[in-house]
Amino acid sequence: MLNTCIGPGDGSGFCKLDQYVPYFGNGVAGNATTLLYDPTTGDQIAGTGRTAFCGPAGCATQPNWIPLNRISPAAQNILKLFGQLTPSNNQVTNNLIVSGSGPFTANSFDTRVDFAASSTVNVFGRFSLSRFSLSGKGSLGALGGVGIGLNGLAGSSITHNYSLATGFTKSFGSTLLTDFRFGWFKYNPTTHKPDEGATPATDAGIPNVNLGNVFTSGWPSFQGDGPNGQPGVWSSFGDGLNVGRCNCPLVESEQQIQFVNNWTKVRGNHSFKFGADVRRAYNLRIPSDADRAGVMHLDSGVTSNGGVGGNGIGTFLLGDVHSMNRFVSSSLNAAERQTRTFFYGQDTLRVTPKLTVNFGLRWEIYFPESVNAKGNGGFANPQEGIIRVAGYGKYGLN
């Protein structure tokens, strides 16, 4: 592992990065691929000509010693939390094994009523409801991490699914039949971080991450790599989809209403069918695919010399994030709407007792999407090569 570098240690004023053994070993004199480099030296644009971090005795005996005054206070605060974890064995790598329960519950019910209103009319109604709930804590305690919930979830997710259908069938004599159906469903998941509402990034000294609202609360996601950009030998930590498999927070409500009417007419050896299916879709989805508190990429390139050497752990110790991205929404109620219509007609012709011919025509119309308010969406226009922002200028809400 690495020395936490919180105290003065041996009084040298340096922090020793004990790199993982034997994965890539300690820094070796004369081997540039094992060293950490000072990103404040050399060509600041090309990232070349940098000076290696070494202790007072030089790189030959003390490679990868970082002066204590260069260690980020935020990194030190995070390392204190790492220090609260108790290793499960004496291995250098894979030395923490965590187990626990990740509750998962599923409840649902269906109810249906059928009613014969008359000898020619039958009516039915059905309602279904399902509720799913799962949760889990982060395996790294106060640092979040991969969860112990189902499929590695850290956080909680509650989903309600509703479905309603009703309709009737009506016969007009022995040769004409119609049926009508109305349907509605709603898919409504919500998710929450395990530390939702808390400000751990602010508490650790990382500015402009927790912005004082629920959506940006909790830890960001910390993603690191190993030496020379190789796969990381330290676990990603924090919150978010790429760590705890939680798209948190997520507000989603997908709904659709549907009207269907079919007619069947028998005439001679023909069976004619025609009908319409009209659907109206409503979609509200406020995701956090890129954590709204941020996704911090701690790449080895920051502490490399033109791509040679470097280590994501060294980048973390310096508090120098290579890149950061996050989801940002100016609106939390932007929703889309769309109408979809389907029409068909067909004829089933019984030519002989052994030959039946089917032919028909179907017509589908997908109307342009619309949004529920000005500025709540945009539409690509390939001819103009732009994204039209709904409600601005000459553009409407669809």
Protein backbone atom coordinates (compact mmCIF):
# COMPACT_ATOMS: atom_id res chain seq x y z
CA MET A 1 0.00 0.00 0.00
CA LEU A 2 1.14 3.59 0.42
CA ASN A 3 2.20 5.49 3.48
CA THR A 4 -0.59 7.83 4.55
CA CYS A 5 1.89 10.71 4.80
CA ILE A 6 -0.28 12.43 7.42
CA GLY A 7 2.41 12.84 10.04
CA PRO A 8 6.02 13.99 9.68
CA GLY A 9 7.21 10.35 9.71
CA ASP A 10 10.98 10.27 9.93
CA GLY A 11 11.19 14.05 9.91
CA SER A 12 12.57 14.15 6.40
CA GLY A 13 9.71 16.26 5.15
CA PHE A 14 9.02 13.75 2.39
CA CYS A 15 6.28 11.23 1.69
CA LYS A 16 7.35 7.83 0.38
CA LEU A 17 5.07 6.20 -2.18
CA ASP A 18 5.50 2.49 -1.47
CA GLN A 19 4.34 1.22 -4.80
CA TYR A 20 2.68 -2.18 -5.00
CA VAL A 21 5.02 -5.15 -5.16
CA PRO A 22 5.55 -7.11 -7.34
CA TYR A 23 3.08 -5.54 -9.76
CA PHE A 24 5.39 -2.75 -10.70
CA GLY A 25 7.85 -2.43 -7.86
CA ASN A 26 9.48 0.60 -6.25
CA GLY A 27 11.05 3.32 -8.34
CA VAL A 28 14.37 2.09 -9.72
CA ALA A 29 17.28 4.39 -10.49
CA GLY A 30 17.79 4.66 -14.21
CA ASN A 31 14.38 3.15 -15.01
CA ALA A 32 12.19 6.08 -16.01
CA THR A 33 9.08 3.91 -16.28
CA THR A 34 9.00 3.35 -12.50
CA LEU A 35 9.30 6.99 -11.40
CA LEU A 36 6.85 9.72 -10.46
CA TYR A 37 7.40 13.14 -12.00
CA ASP A 38 6.62 16.62 -10.74
CA PRO A 39 3.85 18.08 -12.96
CA THR A 40 4.92 21.64 -12.09
CA THR A 41 8.26 21.18 -13.86
CA GLY A 42 9.17 20.90 -17.53
CA ASP A 43 6.95 21.84 -20.46
CA GLN A 44 3.51 22.53 -19.01
CA ILE A 45 1.80 21.95 -22.36
CA ALA A 46 3.58 18.84 -23.63
CA GLY A 47 4.15 17.38 -20.16
CA THR A 48 7.78 16.58 -21.02
CA GLY A 49 11.10 17.49 -19.42
CA ARG A 50 9.75 16.93 -15.93
CA THR A 51 11.85 16.29 -12.84
CA ALA A 52 11.36 13.06 -10.94
CA PHE A 53 10.30 13.12 -7.29
CA CYS A 54 13.14 11.81 -5.14
CA GLY A 55 14.20 11.95 -1.51
CA PRO A 56 17.08 13.95 -0.01
CA ALA A 57 19.54 11.17 -0.81
CA GLY A 58 18.60 11.19 -4.49
CA CYS A 59 16.76 8.92 -6.89
CA ALA A 60 19.35 6.14 -6.64
CA THR A 61 18.23 5.24 -3.12
CA GLN A 62 15.06 7.26 -2.54
CA PRO A 63 12.95 7.32 -5.72
CA ASN A 64 9.33 8.48 -5.54
CA TRP A 65 9.57 10.54 -2.38
CA ILE A 66 7.08 13.43 -2.50
CA PRO A 67 7.68 16.44 -0.18
CA LEU A 68 5.03 16.57 2.53
CA ASN A 69 4.20 20.17 1.70
CA ARG A 70 3.12 18.99 -1.75
CA ILE A 71 0.61 16.45 -0.44
CA SER A 72 -2.93 17.72 -0.90
CA PRO A 73 -4.77 18.40 2.40
CA ALA A 74 -7.87 16.86 0.80
CA ALA A 75 -5.90 13.72 -0.08
CA GLN A 76 -4.66 13.52 3.51
CA ASN A 77 -8.21 13.73 4.82
CA ILE A 78 -9.31 10.97 2.47
CA LEU A 79 -6.31 8.84 3.48
CA LYS A 80 -7.39 9.14 7.09
CA LEU A 81 -10.64 7.46 6.10
CA PHE A 82 -8.72 4.74 4.30
CA GLY A 83 -6.76 4.29 7.51
CA GLN A 84 -9.97 3.41 9.35
CA LEU A 85 -10.38 0.28 7.21
CA THR A 86 -9.10 -2.96 8.67
CA PRO A 87 -7.30 -5.20 6.15
CA SER A 88 -8.56 -8.77 6.05
CA ASN A 89 -5.10 -10.28 5.51
CA ASN A 90 -1.44 -9.36 5.21
CA GLN A 91 -1.36 -9.23 1.42
CA VAL A 92 -0.24 -6.09 -0.34
CA THR A 93 -3.02 -6.32 -2.92
CA ASN A 94 -6.56 -7.64 -2.59
CA ASN A 95 -6.23 -7.23 1.15
CA LEU A 96 -9.76 -6.14 2.03
CA ILE A 97 -12.70 -8.52 1.93
CA VAL A 98 -16.10 -7.19 2.92
CA SER A 99 -19.41 -8.97 3.22
CA GLY A 100 -22.87 -8.01 4.32
CA SER A 101 -26.51 -8.09 3.39
CA GLY A 102 -28.08 -6.27 0.48
CA PRO A 103 -31.85 -6.43 1.00
CA PHE A 104 -34.05 -7.03 -2.03
CA THR A 105 -37.81 -7.22 -1.89
CA ALA A 106 -40.40 -7.64 -4.62
CA ASN A 107 -44.14 -7.35 -4.07
CA SER A 108 -46.85 -7.37 -6.71
CA PHE A 109 -50.51 -8.08 -7.24
CA ASP A 110 -52.96 -8.38 -10.12
CA THR A 111 -56.70 -8.02 -10.06
CA ARG A 112 -59.18 -8.53 -12.90
CA VAL A 113 -62.92 -8.27 -13.28
CA ASP A 114 -64.96 -9.70 -16.18
CA PHE A 115 -68.61 -8.78 -16.66
CA ALA A 116 -71.13 -9.99 -19.20
CA ALA A 117 -73.26 -6.86 -19.59
CA SER A 118 -75.56 -8.58 -22.09
CA SER A 119 -75.58 -11.46 -24.52
CA THR A 120 -73.61 -9.30 -26.98
CA VAL A 121 -71.40 -7.19 -24.72
CA ASN A 122 -68.52 -8.37 -22.49
CA VAL A 123 -66.54 -5.94 -20.35
CA PHE A 124 -63.29 -6.45 -18.44
CA GLY A 125 -60.95 -4.44 -16.21
CA ARG A 126 -57.48 -5.23 -14.86
CA PHE A 127 -55.07 -3.45 -12.54
CA SER A 128 -51.51 -4.53 -11.68
CA LEU A 129 -48.99 -3.08 -9.27
CA SER A 130 -45.39 -4.12 -8.63
CA ARG A 131 -42.94 -2.68 -6.13
CA PHE A 132 -39.24 -3.51 -6.08
CA SER A 133 -36.81 -2.30 -3.43
CA LEU A 134 -33.10 -3.01 -3.13
CA SER A 135 -30.28 -1.38 -1.23
CA GLY A 136 -26.71 -1.84 -0.09
CA LYS A 137 -23.90 -0.07 1.71
CA GLY A 138 -20.52 0.79 0.25
CA SER A 139 -17.79 -1.74 0.95
CA LEU A 140 -15.30 1.01 1.91
CA GLY A 141 -17.44 2.44 4.70
CA ALA A 142 -17.19 6.22 4.83
CA LEU A 143 -15.47 6.20 1.41
CA GLY A 144 -18.35 4.52 -0.41
CA GLY A 145 -16.98 2.04 -2.93
CA VAL A 146 -18.46 -1.03 -4.55
CA GLY A 147 -21.66 -1.93 -2.76
CA ILE A 148 -22.72 -5.08 -0.99
CA GLY A 149 -26.20 -4.82 -2.49
CA LEU A 150 -27.46 -6.84 -5.42
CA ASN A 151 -24.95 -6.74 -8.31
CA GLY A 152 -22.64 -4.47 -6.31
CA LEU A 153 -25.18 -1.74 -5.57
CA ALA A 154 -24.22 0.98 -3.10
CA GLY A 155 -27.29 3.07 -2.40
CA SER A 156 -30.98 2.34 -2.71
CA SER A 157 -33.48 1.91 -5.50
CA ILE A 158 -37.26 1.78 -5.30
CA THR A 159 -39.34 1.07 -8.39
CA HIS A 160 -43.10 1.20 -8.75
CA ASN A 161 -44.72 -0.24 -11.86
CA TYR A 162 -48.40 0.40 -12.52
CA SER A 163 -50.55 -1.11 -15.25
CA LEU A 164 -54.23 -0.57 -15.99
CA ALA A 165 -56.35 -2.01 -18.81
CA THR A 166 -60.04 -2.01 -19.56
CA GLY A 167 -62.21 -2.68 -22.56
CA PHE A 168 -65.24 -4.35 -24.07
CA THR A 169 -66.23 -6.66 -26.89
CA LYS A 170 -69.48 -6.08 -28.80
CA SER A 171 -71.02 -8.31 -31.44
CA PHE A 172 -73.52 -7.10 -34.05
CA GLY A 173 -75.18 -10.24 -35.25
CA SER A 174 -73.13 -13.18 -36.43
CA THR A 175 -70.94 -11.37 -38.98
CA LEU A 176 -69.70 -8.17 -37.30
CA LEU A 177 -67.59 -7.84 -34.14
CA THR A 178 -65.74 -4.94 -32.53
CA ASP A 179 -63.53 -4.62 -29.51
CA PHE A 180 -62.14 -1.58 -27.71
CA ARG A 181 -59.20 -1.43 -25.31
CA PHE A 182 -57.79 1.30 -23.10
CA GLY A 183 -54.43 0.84 -21.38
CA TRP A 184 -52.11 2.81 -19.14
CA PHE A 185 -48.79 1.97 -17.56
CA LYS A 186 -46.25 3.85 -15.51
CA TYR A 187 -42.63 2.94 -14.79
CA ASN A 188 -41.42 4.97 -11.83
CA PRO A 189 -37.96 4.26 -10.34
CA THR A 190 -36.14 6.47 -7.85
CA THR A 191 -32.60 5.99 -6.54
CA HIS A 192 -30.56 7.51 -3.74
CA LYS A 193 -26.90 7.60 -2.80
CA PRO A 194 -25.93 5.94 0.48
CA ASP A 195 -24.69 9.33 1.72
CA GLU A 196 -27.38 11.48 0.09
CA GLY A 197 -27.70 14.87 1.74
CA ALA A 198 -24.21 14.75 3.24
CA THR A 199 -21.25 16.85 2.07
CA PRO A 200 -18.22 14.54 2.41
CA ALA A 201 -16.28 16.19 -0.44
CA THR A 202 -16.66 19.62 1.15
CA ASP A 203 -15.74 18.16 4.55
CA ALA A 204 -12.58 16.66 3.05
CA GLY A 205 -11.59 20.01 1.55
CA ILE A 206 -12.61 19.47 -2.09
CA PRO A 207 -14.33 22.66 -3.31
CA ASN A 208 -17.14 23.08 -5.84
CA VAL A 209 -18.35 19.48 -5.65
CA ASN A 210 -21.16 19.50 -3.09
CA LEU A 211 -23.14 22.54 -4.15
CA GLY A 212 -25.69 22.62 -1.34
CA ASN A 213 -28.44 20.55 -2.95
CA VAL A 214 -29.45 16.90 -2.85
CA PHE A 215 -28.46 16.23 -6.45
CA THR A 216 -24.80 17.16 -5.85
CA SER A 217 -24.55 15.73 -2.35
CA GLY A 218 -22.45 12.71 -1.39
CA TRP A 219 -19.07 11.62 -2.65
CA PRO A 220 -18.02 12.06 -6.26
CA SER A 221 -16.59 9.07 -8.10
CA PHE A 222 -12.80 8.63 -7.95
CA GLN A 223 -11.33 6.67 -10.86
CA GLY A 224 -7.60 5.91 -10.97
CA ASP A 225 -5.12 3.89 -13.00
CA GLY A 226 -1.80 2.25 -12.28
CA PRO A 227 1.71 2.99 -13.53
CA ASN A 228 2.11 4.05 -17.14
CA GLY A 229 -1.66 4.01 -17.61
CA GLN A 230 -1.98 0.29 -16.86
CA PRO A 231 -5.11 -1.02 -15.10
CA GLY A 232 -5.36 0.39 -11.62
CA VAL A 233 -4.14 -1.54 -8.62
CA TRP A 234 -6.19 0.52 -6.20
CA SER A 235 -9.93 0.37 -5.94
CA SER A 236 -12.18 3.07 -7.30
CA PHE A 237 -14.04 4.70 -4.45
CA GLY A 238 -16.74 7.23 -3.78
CA ASP A 239 -20.25 7.02 -5.20
CA GLY A 240 -21.91 6.79 -8.57
CA LEU A 241 -22.74 4.52 -11.44
CA ASN A 242 -19.16 3.52 -12.22
CA VAL A 243 -18.35 2.65 -8.61
CA GLY A 244 -21.45 1.55 -6.72
CA ARG A 245 -23.58 0.72 -9.79
CA CYS A 246 -26.11 3.34 -8.74
CA ASN A 247 -27.39 5.95 -11.17
CA CYS A 248 -27.96 8.22 -8.19
CA PRO A 249 -29.96 10.27 -7.86
CA LEU A 250 -32.41 9.24 -10.56
CA VAL A 251 -35.91 10.59 -11.05
CA GLU A 252 -37.82 8.79 -13.77
CA SER A 253 -41.45 8.51 -14.75
CA GLU A 254 -42.28 6.84 -18.04
CA GLN A 255 -45.98 6.65 -18.88
CA GLN A 256 -48.03 5.61 -21.85
CA ILE A 257 -51.74 5.65 -22.55
CA GLN A 258 -53.18 3.58 -25.35
CA PHE A 259 -56.49 3.32 -27.23
CA VAL A 260 -57.12 0.35 -29.50
CA ASN A 261 -60.18 -0.40 -31.63
CA ASN A 262 -60.53 -3.42 -33.92
CA TRP A 263 -63.37 -4.47 -36.23
CA THR A 264 -63.98 -7.86 -37.82
CA LYS A 265 -66.47 -8.42 -40.63
CA VAL A 266 -67.20 -11.82 -42.16
CA ARG A 267 -68.65 -11.82 -45.65
CA GLY A 268 -68.77 -14.98 -47.68
CA ASN A 269 -65.31 -16.51 -47.76
CA HIS A 270 -63.71 -13.18 -46.71
CA SER A 271 -62.80 -12.14 -43.17
CA PHE A 272 -62.07 -8.44 -43.13
CA LYS A 273 -60.22 -6.83 -40.21
CA PHE A 274 -59.27 -3.21 -39.68
CA GLY A 275 -58.44 -1.04 -36.72
CA ALA A 276 -56.40 1.67 -35.07
CA ASP A 277 -53.91 1.88 -32.22
CA VAL A 278 -53.23 5.35 -30.78
CA ARG A 279 -50.54 5.84 -28.13
CA ARG A 280 -49.39 8.84 -26.17
CA ALA A 281 -46.02 8.58 -24.44
CA TYR A 282 -44.84 10.74 -21.54
CA ASN A 283 -41.23 10.54 -20.40
CA LEU A 284 -39.44 12.30 -17.55
CA ARG A 285 -35.91 11.15 -16.81
CA ILE A 286 -33.40 13.06 -14.71
CA PRO A 287 -30.36 10.74 -14.63
CA SER A 288 -26.90 10.87 -13.11
CA ASP A 289 -24.96 8.70 -15.55
CA ALA A 290 -21.95 10.89 -14.83
CA ASP A 291 -22.23 11.50 -11.08
CA ARG A 292 -23.69 14.93 -10.37
CA ALA A 293 -21.04 15.40 -7.68
CA GLY A 294 -18.45 14.65 -10.33
CA VAL A 295 -16.35 11.83 -11.75
CA MET A 296 -12.70 12.48 -10.87
CA HIS A 297 -10.16 10.86 -13.20
CA LEU A 298 -6.83 10.47 -11.40
CA ASP A 299 -4.70 9.40 -14.35
CA SER A 300 -1.04 8.46 -14.31
CA GLY A 301 -0.40 10.98 -17.08
CA VAL A 302 -0.37 13.81 -14.55
CA THR A 303 2.73 12.40 -12.82
CA SER A 304 4.38 10.97 -15.94
CA ASN A 305 7.09 12.47 -18.11
CA GLY A 306 5.52 12.67 -21.52
CA GLY A 307 3.58 9.47 -20.88
CA VAL A 308 6.53 7.60 -19.35
CA GLY A 309 6.21 6.57 -15.72
CA GLY A 310 3.62 8.13 -13.48
CA ASN A 311 0.94 6.61 -11.31
CA GLY A 312 -2.66 7.48 -10.51
CA ILE A 313 -1.89 7.20 -6.79
CA GLY A 314 0.77 9.88 -7.12
CA THR A 315 -1.73 12.08 -8.96
CA PHE A 316 -4.18 11.58 -6.11
CA LEU A 317 -1.58 12.49 -3.45
CA LEU A 318 -0.87 15.76 -5.26
CA GLY A 319 -4.61 16.49 -5.47
CA ASP A 320 -4.24 16.99 -9.20
CA VAL A 321 -7.26 15.61 -11.05
CA HIS A 322 -6.53 14.94 -14.71
CA SER A 323 -10.14 15.47 -15.77
CA MET A 324 -13.58 15.74 -14.24
CA ASN A 325 -17.06 15.44 -15.67
CA ARG A 326 -20.52 15.60 -14.18
CA PHE A 327 -24.18 15.76 -15.21
CA VAL A 328 -25.70 19.22 -14.86
CA SER A 329 -29.35 20.09 -15.46
CA SER A 330 -30.87 23.54 -15.50
CA SER A 331 -34.27 21.90 -15.09
CA LEU A 332 -35.35 18.94 -13.01
CA ASN A 333 -38.77 18.58 -14.63
CA ALA A 334 -37.93 18.57 -18.35
CA ALA A 335 -40.13 15.94 -19.98
CA GLU A 336 -40.85 14.71 -23.50
CA ARG A 337 -44.15 13.85 -25.14
CA GLN A 338 -44.91 11.94 -28.32
CA THR A 339 -47.98 10.63 -30.12
CA ARG A 340 -47.74 7.43 -32.16
CA THR A 341 -50.55 6.10 -34.35
CA PHE A 342 -50.95 2.76 -36.13
CA PHE A 343 -53.64 1.81 -38.62
CA TYR A 344 -54.19 -1.42 -40.47
CA GLY A 345 -56.58 -3.28 -42.74
CA GLN A 346 -56.42 -6.87 -43.88
CA ASP A 347 -58.41 -9.54 -45.66
CA THR A 348 -58.24 -13.25 -44.99
CA LEU A 349 -59.56 -15.01 -48.07
CA ARG A 350 -60.32 -18.69 -47.98
CA VAL A 351 -59.86 -19.65 -51.62
CA THR A 352 -60.36 -23.38 -51.09
CA PRO A 353 -60.63 -25.61 -48.03
CA LYS A 354 -56.86 -26.11 -48.39
CA LEU A 355 -55.76 -22.61 -49.41
CA THR A 356 -56.06 -19.38 -47.43
CA VAL A 357 -54.61 -16.05 -48.59
CA ASN A 358 -53.85 -13.13 -46.25
CA PHE A 359 -53.06 -9.65 -47.46
CA GLY A 360 -53.22 -6.25 -45.84
CA LEU A 361 -51.75 -2.82 -45.29
CA ARG A 362 -50.33 -1.14 -42.19
CA TRP A 363 -49.64 2.59 -41.77
CA GLU A 364 -47.59 3.95 -38.86
CA ILE A 365 -47.22 7.63 -38.00
CA TYR A 366 -44.74 8.82 -35.38
CA PHE A 367 -45.38 12.47 -34.66
CA PRO A 368 -42.48 14.77 -33.68
CA GLU A 369 -41.55 14.76 -30.01
CA SER A 370 -42.45 17.77 -27.94
CA VAL A 371 -41.30 19.04 -24.56
CA ASN A 372 -43.36 20.30 -21.66
CA ALA A 373 -41.94 23.84 -21.45
CA LYS A 374 -39.63 26.36 -23.07
CA GLY A 375 -35.98 25.34 -22.83
CA ASN A 376 -36.82 21.84 -21.59
CA GLY A 377 -35.31 20.07 -24.56
CA GLY A 378 -33.76 20.26 -27.98
CA PHE A 379 -34.12 18.59 -31.34
CA ALA A 380 -31.42 17.74 -33.85
CA ASN A 381 -31.80 19.31 -37.28
CA PRO A 382 -29.43 17.56 -39.74
CA GLN A 383 -30.25 20.00 -42.55
CA GLU A 384 -29.15 23.01 -40.51
CA GLY A 385 -26.50 21.12 -38.55
CA ILE A 386 -27.78 22.47 -35.24
CA ILE A 387 -29.67 21.48 -32.13
CA ARG A 388 -32.94 23.42 -31.99
CA VAL A 389 -33.69 24.55 -28.44
CA ALA A 390 -37.41 24.25 -27.84
CA GLY A 391 -39.29 27.52 -27.36
CA TYR A 392 -36.48 29.86 -28.47
CA GLY A 393 -36.38 31.93 -31.62
CA LYS A 394 -38.39 30.44 -34.45
CA TYR A 395 -38.59 27.02 -32.82
CA GLY A 396 -41.62 25.74 -30.98
CA LEU A 397 -41.97 22.99 -28.41
CA ASN A 398 -41.72 20.20 -31.00
